[in-house]
Amino acid sequence: MDTVETIESKFAMQCQEIEDKEKLFDLSYLYIELKGVPIIGGGYLATEAFDLRENNTPLPEPELMG
């Protein structure tokens, strides 16, 4: 059983393949393409992530994107 099948069967989560892997890093695409799919996460600019790490600031709570 591959990873996707495991996630779908064991955790009852819907999985969807994204052909253009670069779109995985484009949050505007994810908000549009996966509308209605429950996704918890967030996005940060690289500079924001470095600042958070440098200042030992806890990450903001993830939000429901779908």
PDB file of N, CA and C in Angstrom:
ATOM      1  N   MET A   1       0.858  -1.177   0.000  1.00  0.00           N
ATOM      2  CA  MET A   1       0.000   0.000   0.000  1.00  0.00           C
ATOM      3  C   MET A   1       0.899   1.234   0.000  1.00  0.00           C
ATOM      4  N   ASP A   2       0.639   2.163  -0.901  1.00  0.00           N
ATOM      5  CA  ASP A   2       1.472   3.359  -0.951  1.00  0.00           C
ATOM      6  C   ASP A   2       0.964   4.402   0.046  1.00  0.00           C
ATOM      7  N   THR A   3       1.689   5.475   0.174  1.00  0.00           N
ATOM      8  CA  THR A   3       1.390   6.512   1.162  1.00  0.00           C
ATOM      9  C   THR A   3       0.010   7.110   0.973  1.00  0.00           C
ATOM     10  N   VAL A   4      -0.347   7.419  -0.261  1.00  0.00           N
ATOM     11  CA  VAL A   4      -1.648   8.031  -0.530  1.00  0.00           C
ATOM     12  C   VAL A   4      -2.773   7.087  -0.136  1.00  0.00           C
ATOM     13  N   GLU A   5      -2.646   5.824  -0.498  1.00  0.00           N
ATOM     14  CA  GLU A   5      -3.671   4.841  -0.129  1.00  0.00           C
ATOM     15  C   GLU A   5      -3.786   4.699   1.379  1.00  0.00           C
ATOM     16  N   THR A   6      -2.669   4.744   2.073  1.00  0.00           N
ATOM     17  CA  THR A   6      -2.681   4.659   3.534  1.00  0.00           C
ATOM     18  C   THR A   6      -3.416   5.850   4.140  1.00  0.00           C
ATOM     19  N   ILE A   7      -3.114   7.035   3.655  1.00  0.00           N
ATOM     20  CA  ILE A   7      -3.771   8.239   4.172  1.00  0.00           C
ATOM     21  C   ILE A   7      -5.271   8.170   3.915  1.00  0.00           C
ATOM     22  N   GLU A   8      -5.647   7.744   2.713  1.00  0.00           N
ATOM     23  CA  GLU A   8      -7.066   7.669   2.373  1.00  0.00           C
ATOM     24  C   GLU A   8      -7.804   6.630   3.201  1.00  0.00           C
ATOM     25  N   SER A   9      -7.201   5.462   3.393  1.00  0.00           N
ATOM     26  CA  SER A   9      -7.912   4.394   4.094  1.00  0.00           C
ATOM     27  C   SER A   9      -7.802   4.502   5.617  1.00  0.00           C
ATOM     28  N   LYS A  10      -6.607   4.712   6.124  1.00  0.00           N
ATOM     29  CA  LYS A  10      -6.418   4.724   7.579  1.00  0.00           C
ATOM     30  C   LYS A  10      -6.986   5.981   8.228  1.00  0.00           C
ATOM     31  N   PHE A  11      -6.826   7.128   7.569  1.00  0.00           N
ATOM     32  CA  PHE A  11      -7.256   8.385   8.165  1.00  0.00           C
ATOM     33  C   PHE A  11      -8.511   8.959   7.518  1.00  0.00           C
ATOM     34  N   ALA A  12      -9.061   8.253   6.550  1.00  0.00           N
ATOM     35  CA  ALA A  12     -10.281   8.681   5.838  1.00  0.00           C
ATOM     36  C   ALA A  12     -10.153  10.112   5.336  1.00  0.00           C
ATOM     37  N   MET A  13      -9.007  10.402   4.717  1.00  0.00           N
ATOM     38  CA  MET A  13      -8.761  11.736   4.177  1.00  0.00           C
ATOM     39  C   MET A  13      -8.768  11.665   2.656  1.00  0.00           C
ATOM     40  N   GLN A  14      -9.396  12.635   2.044  1.00  0.00           N
ATOM     41  CA  GLN A  14      -9.423  12.718   0.588  1.00  0.00           C
ATOM     42  C   GLN A  14      -8.059  13.176   0.089  1.00  0.00           C
ATOM     43  N   CYS A  15      -7.511  12.489  -0.888  1.00  0.00           N
ATOM     44  CA  CYS A  15      -6.231  12.875  -1.474  1.00  0.00           C
ATOM     45  C   CYS A  15      -6.445  13.230  -2.938  1.00  0.00           C
ATOM     46  N   GLN A  16      -5.720  14.219  -3.371  1.00  0.00           N
ATOM     47  CA  GLN A  16      -5.846  14.700  -4.751  1.00  0.00           C
ATOM     48  C   GLN A  16      -4.457  14.992  -5.282  1.00  0.00           C
ATOM     49  N   GLU A  17      -4.131  14.413  -6.428  1.00  0.00           N
ATOM     50  CA  GLU A  17      -2.821  14.646  -7.022  1.00  0.00           C
ATOM     51  C   GLU A  17      -2.803  16.003  -7.724  1.00  0.00           C
ATOM     52  N   ILE A  18      -1.730  16.720  -7.528  1.00  0.00           N
ATOM     53  CA  ILE A  18      -1.528  17.996  -8.206  1.00  0.00           C
ATOM     54  C   ILE A  18      -0.414  17.781  -9.215  1.00  0.00           C
ATOM     55  N   GLU A  19      -0.760  17.939 -10.482  1.00  0.00           N
ATOM     56  CA  GLU A  19       0.195  17.663 -11.553  1.00  0.00           C
ATOM     57  C   GLU A  19       1.396  18.605 -11.524  1.00  0.00           C
ATOM     58  N   ASP A  20       1.142  19.900 -11.423  1.00  0.00           N
ATOM     59  CA  ASP A  20       2.212  20.901 -11.438  1.00  0.00           C
ATOM     60  C   ASP A  20       2.684  21.116  -9.997  1.00  0.00           C
ATOM     61  N   LYS A  21       3.751  20.440  -9.618  1.00  0.00           N
ATOM     62  CA  LYS A  21       4.226  20.453  -8.223  1.00  0.00           C
ATOM     63  C   LYS A  21       4.615  21.850  -7.735  1.00  0.00           C
ATOM     64  N   GLU A  22       4.983  22.760  -8.656  1.00  0.00           N
ATOM     65  CA  GLU A  22       5.332  24.126  -8.253  1.00  0.00           C
ATOM     66  C   GLU A  22       4.131  24.845  -7.643  1.00  0.00           C
ATOM     67  N   LYS A  23       2.924  24.432  -8.024  1.00  0.00           N
ATOM     68  CA  LYS A  23       1.718  25.057  -7.487  1.00  0.00           C
ATOM     69  C   LYS A  23       1.525  24.758  -6.003  1.00  0.00           C
ATOM     70  N   LEU A  24       2.203  23.734  -5.506  1.00  0.00           N
ATOM     71  CA  LEU A  24       2.114  23.427  -4.077  1.00  0.00           C
ATOM     72  C   LEU A  24       2.643  24.566  -3.213  1.00  0.00           C
ATOM     73  N   PHE A  25       3.462  25.417  -3.788  1.00  0.00           N
ATOM     74  CA  PHE A  25       4.048  26.527  -3.040  1.00  0.00           C
ATOM     75  C   PHE A  25       3.369  27.855  -3.363  1.00  0.00           C
ATOM     76  N   ASP A  26       2.275  27.805  -4.107  1.00  0.00           N
ATOM     77  CA  ASP A  26       1.523  28.999  -4.476  1.00  0.00           C
ATOM     78  C   ASP A  26       0.194  28.979  -3.728  1.00  0.00           C
ATOM     79  N   LEU A  27       0.132  29.692  -2.585  1.00  0.00           N
ATOM     80  CA  LEU A  27      -1.064  29.646  -1.758  1.00  0.00           C
ATOM     81  C   LEU A  27      -2.303  30.164  -2.471  1.00  0.00           C
ATOM     82  N   SER A  28      -2.146  31.136  -3.363  1.00  0.00           N
ATOM     83  CA  SER A  28      -3.317  31.631  -4.077  1.00  0.00           C
ATOM     84  C   SER A  28      -3.926  30.508  -4.925  1.00  0.00           C
ATOM     85  N   TYR A  29      -3.078  29.674  -5.500  1.00  0.00           N
ATOM     86  CA  TYR A  29      -3.564  28.527  -6.266  1.00  0.00           C
ATOM     87  C   TYR A  29      -4.288  27.548  -5.344  1.00  0.00           C
ATOM     88  N   LEU A  30      -3.689  27.263  -4.208  1.00  0.00           N
ATOM     89  CA  LEU A  30      -4.291  26.286  -3.297  1.00  0.00           C
ATOM     90  C   LEU A  30      -5.659  26.748  -2.804  1.00  0.00           C
ATOM     91  N   TYR A  31      -5.784  28.020  -2.477  1.00  0.00           N
ATOM     92  CA  TYR A  31      -7.073  28.531  -2.012  1.00  0.00           C
ATOM     93  C   TYR A  31      -8.152  28.351  -3.081  1.00  0.00           C
ATOM     94  N   ILE A  32      -7.804  28.531  -4.354  1.00  0.00           N
ATOM     95  CA  ILE A  32      -8.773  28.417  -5.448  1.00  0.00           C
ATOM     96  C   ILE A  32      -9.025  26.951  -5.803  1.00  0.00           C
ATOM     97  N   GLU A  33      -7.966  26.224  -6.054  1.00  0.00           N
ATOM     98  CA  GLU A  33      -8.076  24.856  -6.556  1.00  0.00           C
ATOM     99  C   GLU A  33      -8.672  23.902  -5.526  1.00  0.00           C
ATOM    100  N   LEU A  34      -8.361  24.110  -4.272  1.00  0.00           N
ATOM    101  CA  LEU A  34      -8.805  23.175  -3.237  1.00  0.00           C
ATOM    102  C   LEU A  34      -9.940  23.743  -2.391  1.00  0.00           C
ATOM    103  N   LYS A  35     -10.676  24.693  -2.937  1.00  0.00           N
ATOM    104  CA  LYS A  35     -11.794  25.295  -2.211  1.00  0.00           C
ATOM    105  C   LYS A  35     -12.790  24.199  -1.814  1.00  0.00           C
ATOM    106  N   GLY A  36     -13.172  24.199  -0.567  1.00  0.00           N
ATOM    107  CA  GLY A  36     -14.105  23.208  -0.074  1.00  0.00           C
ATOM    108  C   GLY A  36     -13.436  21.970   0.506  1.00  0.00           C
ATOM    109  N   VAL A  37     -12.138  21.802   0.260  1.00  0.00           N
ATOM    110  CA  VAL A  37     -11.405  20.673   0.833  1.00  0.00           C
ATOM    111  C   VAL A  37     -10.823  21.151   2.157  1.00  0.00           C
ATOM    112  N   PRO A  38     -11.132  20.461   3.256  1.00  0.00           N
ATOM    113  CA  PRO A  38     -10.638  20.924   4.549  1.00  0.00           C
ATOM    114  C   PRO A  38      -9.117  20.747   4.678  1.00  0.00           C
ATOM    115  N   ILE A  39      -8.415  21.857   4.693  1.00  0.00           N
ATOM    116  CA  ILE A  39      -6.959  21.856   4.823  1.00  0.00           C
ATOM    117  C   ILE A  39      -6.598  22.806   5.957  1.00  0.00           C
ATOM    118  N   ILE A  40      -5.758  22.336   6.844  1.00  0.00           N
ATOM    119  CA  ILE A  40      -5.272  23.204   7.916  1.00  0.00           C
ATOM    120  C   ILE A  40      -3.819  23.514   7.618  1.00  0.00           C
ATOM    121  N   GLY A  41      -3.495  24.787   7.646  1.00  0.00           N
ATOM    122  CA  GLY A  41      -2.120  25.166   7.357  1.00  0.00           C
ATOM    123  C   GLY A  41      -1.968  26.668   7.356  1.00  0.00           C
ATOM    124  N   GLY A  42      -0.893  27.090   6.800  1.00  0.00           N
ATOM    125  CA  GLY A  42      -0.622  28.512   6.706  1.00  0.00           C
ATOM    126  C   GLY A  42       0.578  28.731   5.831  1.00  0.00           C
ATOM    127  N   GLY A  43       0.813  29.971   5.520  1.00  0.00           N
ATOM    128  CA  GLY A  43       1.953  30.280   4.680  1.00  0.00           C
ATOM    129  C   GLY A  43       2.673  31.505   5.188  1.00  0.00           C
ATOM    130  N   TYR A  44       3.943  31.526   4.967  1.00  0.00           N
ATOM    131  CA  TYR A  44       4.782  32.629   5.412  1.00  0.00           C
ATOM    132  C   TYR A  44       5.765  32.967   4.308  1.00  0.00           C
ATOM    133  N   LEU A  45       6.069  34.228   4.187  1.00  0.00           N
ATOM    134  CA  LEU A  45       7.177  34.615   3.332  1.00  0.00           C
ATOM    135  C   LEU A  45       8.449  34.119   3.995  1.00  0.00           C
ATOM    136  N   ALA A  46       9.474  33.874   3.211  1.00  0.00           N
ATOM    137  CA  ALA A  46      10.730  33.373   3.780  1.00  0.00           C
ATOM    138  C   ALA A  46      11.263  34.328   4.833  1.00  0.00           C
ATOM    139  N   THR A  47      11.182  35.638   4.581  1.00  0.00           N
ATOM    140  CA  THR A  47      11.690  36.609   5.555  1.00  0.00           C
ATOM    141  C   THR A  47      10.906  36.544   6.858  1.00  0.00           C
ATOM    142  N   GLU A  48       9.587  36.324   6.771  1.00  0.00           N
ATOM    143  CA  GLU A  48       8.776  36.202   7.992  1.00  0.00           C
ATOM    144  C   GLU A  48       9.175  34.957   8.782  1.00  0.00           C
ATOM    145  N   ALA A  49       9.383  33.855   8.068  1.00  0.00           N
ATOM    146  CA  ALA A  49       9.780  32.621   8.740  1.00  0.00           C
ATOM    147  C   ALA A  49      11.139  32.770   9.419  1.00  0.00           C
ATOM    148  N   PHE A  50      12.075  33.430   8.750  1.00  0.00           N
ATOM    149  CA  PHE A  50      13.398  33.637   9.350  1.00  0.00           C
ATOM    150  C   PHE A  50      13.296  34.530  10.589  1.00  0.00           C
ATOM    151  N   ASP A  51      12.467  35.573  10.512  1.00  0.00           N
ATOM    152  CA  ASP A  51      12.282  36.467  11.664  1.00  0.00           C
ATOM    153  C   ASP A  51      11.668  35.727  12.840  1.00  0.00           C
ATOM    154  N   LEU A  52      10.651  34.907  12.565  1.00  0.00           N
ATOM    155  CA  LEU A  52      10.019  34.136  13.636  1.00  0.00           C
ATOM    156  C   LEU A  52      11.039  33.212  14.303  1.00  0.00           C
ATOM    157  N   ARG A  53      11.818  32.535  13.479  1.00  0.00           N
ATOM    158  CA  ARG A  53      12.812  31.596  14.012  1.00  0.00           C
ATOM    159  C   ARG A  53      13.891  32.340  14.801  1.00  0.00           C
ATOM    160  N   GLU A  54      14.374  33.445  14.251  1.00  0.00           N
ATOM    161  CA  GLU A  54      15.444  34.213  14.894  1.00  0.00           C
ATOM    162  C   GLU A  54      15.021  34.735  16.267  1.00  0.00           C
ATOM    163  N   ASN A  55      13.748  35.138  16.376  1.00  0.00           N
ATOM    164  CA  ASN A  55      13.248  35.693  17.632  1.00  0.00           C
ATOM    165  C   ASN A  55      12.594  34.656  18.530  1.00  0.00           C
ATOM    166  N   ASN A  56      12.701  33.382  18.154  1.00  0.00           N
ATOM    167  CA  ASN A  56      12.072  32.295  18.911  1.00  0.00           C
ATOM    168  C   ASN A  56      10.596  32.557  19.174  1.00  0.00           C
ATOM    169  N   THR A  57       9.934  33.136  18.193  1.00  0.00           N
ATOM    170  CA  THR A  57       8.510  33.437  18.299  1.00  0.00           C
ATOM    171  C   THR A  57       7.714  32.205  17.898  1.00  0.00           C
ATOM    172  N   PRO A  58       6.717  31.831  18.691  1.00  0.00           N
ATOM    173  CA  PRO A  58       5.892  30.676  18.286  1.00  0.00           C
ATOM    174  C   PRO A  58       5.144  30.991  16.979  1.00  0.00           C
ATOM    175  N   LEU A  59       4.943  29.970  16.190  1.00  0.00           N
ATOM    176  CA  LEU A  59       4.206  30.141  14.948  1.00  0.00           C
ATOM    177  C   LEU A  59       2.744  30.454  15.257  1.00  0.00           C
ATOM    178  N   PRO A  60       2.112  31.270  14.423  1.00  0.00           N
ATOM    179  CA  PRO A  60       0.681  31.516  14.597  1.00  0.00           C
ATOM    180  C   PRO A  60      -0.103  30.224  14.443  1.00  0.00           C
ATOM    181  N   GLU A  61      -1.297  30.173  15.017  1.00  0.00           N
ATOM    182  CA  GLU A  61      -2.144  28.994  14.890  1.00  0.00           C
ATOM    183  C   GLU A  61      -2.489  28.765  13.419  1.00  0.00           C
ATOM    184  N   PRO A  62      -2.451  27.523  12.949  1.00  0.00           N
ATOM    185  CA  PRO A  62      -2.853  27.260  11.565  1.00  0.00           C
ATOM    186  C   PRO A  62      -4.342  27.563  11.383  1.00  0.00           C
ATOM    187  N   GLU A  63      -4.712  27.884  10.149  1.00  0.00           N
ATOM    188  CA  GLU A  63      -6.107  28.205   9.880  1.00  0.00           C
ATOM    189  C   GLU A  63      -6.705  27.189   8.896  1.00  0.00           C
ATOM    190  N   LEU A  64      -8.012  27.057   8.944  1.00  0.00           N
ATOM    191  CA  LEU A  64      -8.711  26.197   8.004  1.00  0.00           C
ATOM    192  C   LEU A  64      -8.765  26.901   6.668  1.00  0.00           C
ATOM    193  N   MET A  65      -8.159  26.313   5.644  1.00  0.00           N
ATOM    194  CA  MET A  65      -8.045  26.979   4.350  1.00  0.00           C
ATOM    195  C   MET A  65      -9.219  26.658   3.435  1.00  0.00           C
ATOM    196  N   GLY A  66      -9.867  25.516   3.617  1.00  0.00           N
ATOM    197  CA  GLY A  66     -10.916  25.113   2.708  1.00  0.00           C
ATOM    198  C   GLY A  66     -12.216  25.473   3.229  1.00  0.00           C
TER     199      GLY A  66
END
